[in-house]
Amino acid sequence: MALTPEKEALIWKTLNSTRGKIEPSEYKNYIFGVMFYKFLSEKALAWLDSKLTGGRLGSNFGLKIQLKQLII
């Protein structure tokens, strides 16, 4: 997913406004949490896709897209 510069600026503006009085060095704890959640959701998606398709990863591409939209 490619972000336009306008969308990226909006995301950073939103993050900065919601951060409040958290020091930038402490902000990494939140970022690592989000990254870990993304990692787990991708692993869960791959596991579920393998179970639903009988081990043939990627054989049901439409289902994978729908599941990914539910997770995000």
C-alpha atoms as a PDB file:
ATOM      1  CA  MET A   1       0.000   0.000   0.000  1.00  0.00           C
ATOM      2  CA  ALA A   2       1.645   3.183  -1.178  1.00  0.00           C
ATOM      3  CA  LEU A   3       0.852   6.351   0.707  1.00  0.00           C
ATOM      4  CA  THR A   4       0.660   9.712  -0.957  1.00  0.00           C
ATOM      5  CA  PRO A   5       2.667  12.469   0.717  1.00  0.00           C
ATOM      6  CA  GLU A   6      -0.596  14.100   1.823  1.00  0.00           C
ATOM      7  CA  LYS A   7      -1.811  10.912   3.525  1.00  0.00           C
ATOM      8  CA  GLU A   8       1.560  10.356   5.165  1.00  0.00           C
ATOM      9  CA  ALA A   9       1.553  13.928   6.496  1.00  0.00           C
ATOM     10  CA  LEU A  10      -1.984  13.419   7.824  1.00  0.00           C
ATOM     11  CA  ILE A  11      -0.967  10.206   9.589  1.00  0.00           C
ATOM     12  CA  TRP A  12       2.035  11.889  11.218  1.00  0.00           C
ATOM     13  CA  LYS A  13      -0.086  14.891  12.225  1.00  0.00           C
ATOM     14  CA  THR A  14      -2.658  12.583  13.818  1.00  0.00           C
ATOM     15  CA  LEU A  15       0.011  10.568  15.612  1.00  0.00           C
ATOM     16  CA  ASN A  16       1.673  13.697  16.935  1.00  0.00           C
ATOM     17  CA  SER A  17      -1.624  15.122  18.193  1.00  0.00           C
ATOM     18  CA  THR A  18      -2.655  11.877  19.937  1.00  0.00           C
ATOM     19  CA  ARG A  19       0.762  11.278  21.440  1.00  0.00           C
ATOM     20  CA  GLY A  20       0.298  14.013  23.985  1.00  0.00           C
ATOM     21  CA  LYS A  21       3.087  14.309  26.543  1.00  0.00           C
ATOM     22  CA  ILE A  22       4.772  11.024  25.729  1.00  0.00           C
ATOM     23  CA  GLU A  23       8.470  11.420  25.084  1.00  0.00           C
ATOM     24  CA  PRO A  24       9.571  10.333  21.597  1.00  0.00           C
ATOM     25  CA  SER A  25      11.857   7.728  23.159  1.00  0.00           C
ATOM     26  CA  GLU A  26       8.823   6.174  24.924  1.00  0.00           C
ATOM     27  CA  TYR A  27       6.741   6.266  21.756  1.00  0.00           C
ATOM     28  CA  LYS A  28       8.624   3.230  20.455  1.00  0.00           C
ATOM     29  CA  ASN A  29       6.677   1.046  22.893  1.00  0.00           C
ATOM     30  CA  TYR A  30       3.465   1.853  21.048  1.00  0.00           C
ATOM     31  CA  ILE A  31       5.030   1.393  17.629  1.00  0.00           C
ATOM     32  CA  PHE A  32       6.487  -1.986  18.590  1.00  0.00           C
ATOM     33  CA  GLY A  33       3.061  -3.048  19.857  1.00  0.00           C
ATOM     34  CA  VAL A  34       1.440  -2.144  16.550  1.00  0.00           C
ATOM     35  CA  MET A  35       4.177  -3.919  14.606  1.00  0.00           C
ATOM     36  CA  PHE A  36       3.803  -7.026  16.784  1.00  0.00           C
ATOM     37  CA  TYR A  37       0.018  -7.012  16.251  1.00  0.00           C
ATOM     38  CA  LYS A  38       0.543  -6.762  12.473  1.00  0.00           C
ATOM     39  CA  PHE A  39       3.016  -9.663  12.615  1.00  0.00           C
ATOM     40  CA  LEU A  40       0.559 -11.816  14.576  1.00  0.00           C
ATOM     41  CA  SER A  41      -2.374 -10.961  12.317  1.00  0.00           C
ATOM     42  CA  GLU A  42      -0.359 -11.884   9.207  1.00  0.00           C
ATOM     43  CA  LYS A  43       0.658 -15.197  10.796  1.00  0.00           C
ATOM     44  CA  ALA A  44      -2.957 -15.876  11.788  1.00  0.00           C
ATOM     45  CA  LEU A  45      -4.120 -15.055   8.269  1.00  0.00           C
ATOM     46  CA  ALA A  46      -1.560 -17.448   6.747  1.00  0.00           C
ATOM     47  CA  TRP A  47      -2.521 -20.188   9.219  1.00  0.00           C
ATOM     48  CA  LEU A  48      -6.245 -19.757   8.584  1.00  0.00           C
ATOM     49  CA  ASP A  49      -5.729 -19.688   4.837  1.00  0.00           C
ATOM     50  CA  SER A  50      -3.706 -22.918   5.005  1.00  0.00           C
ATOM     51  CA  LYS A  51      -6.430 -24.610   7.081  1.00  0.00           C
ATOM     52  CA  LEU A  52      -9.263 -23.453   4.826  1.00  0.00           C
ATOM     53  CA  THR A  53      -7.500 -24.426   1.607  1.00  0.00           C
ATOM     54  CA  GLY A  54      -6.100 -27.732   2.841  1.00  0.00           C
ATOM     55  CA  GLY A  55      -2.498 -26.600   2.914  1.00  0.00           C
ATOM     56  CA  ARG A  56      -2.506 -25.017  -0.529  1.00  0.00           C
ATOM     57  CA  LEU A  57      -1.431 -21.516   0.430  1.00  0.00           C
ATOM     58  CA  GLY A  58      -2.626 -18.851  -1.957  1.00  0.00           C
ATOM     59  CA  SER A  59      -5.080 -21.101  -3.771  1.00  0.00           C
ATOM     60  CA  ASN A  60      -8.072 -19.123  -2.552  1.00  0.00           C
ATOM     61  CA  PHE A  61      -6.946 -15.581  -3.289  1.00  0.00           C
ATOM     62  CA  GLY A  62     -10.408 -14.003  -2.955  1.00  0.00           C
ATOM     63  CA  LEU A  63     -10.819 -15.406   0.536  1.00  0.00           C
ATOM     64  CA  LYS A  64      -7.371 -14.144   1.495  1.00  0.00           C
ATOM     65  CA  ILE A  65      -8.295 -10.618   0.423  1.00  0.00           C
ATOM     66  CA  GLN A  66     -11.556 -10.728   2.396  1.00  0.00           C
ATOM     67  CA  LEU A  67      -9.818 -12.061   5.510  1.00  0.00           C
ATOM     68  CA  LYS A  68      -7.100  -9.432   5.296  1.00  0.00           C
ATOM     69  CA  GLN A  69      -9.742  -6.693   5.098  1.00  0.00           C
ATOM     70  CA  LEU A  70     -11.396  -8.074   8.224  1.00  0.00           C
ATOM     71  CA  ILE A  71      -8.115  -8.089  10.133  1.00  0.00           C
ATOM     72  CA  ILE A  72      -7.135  -4.576   9.129  1.00  0.00           C
END
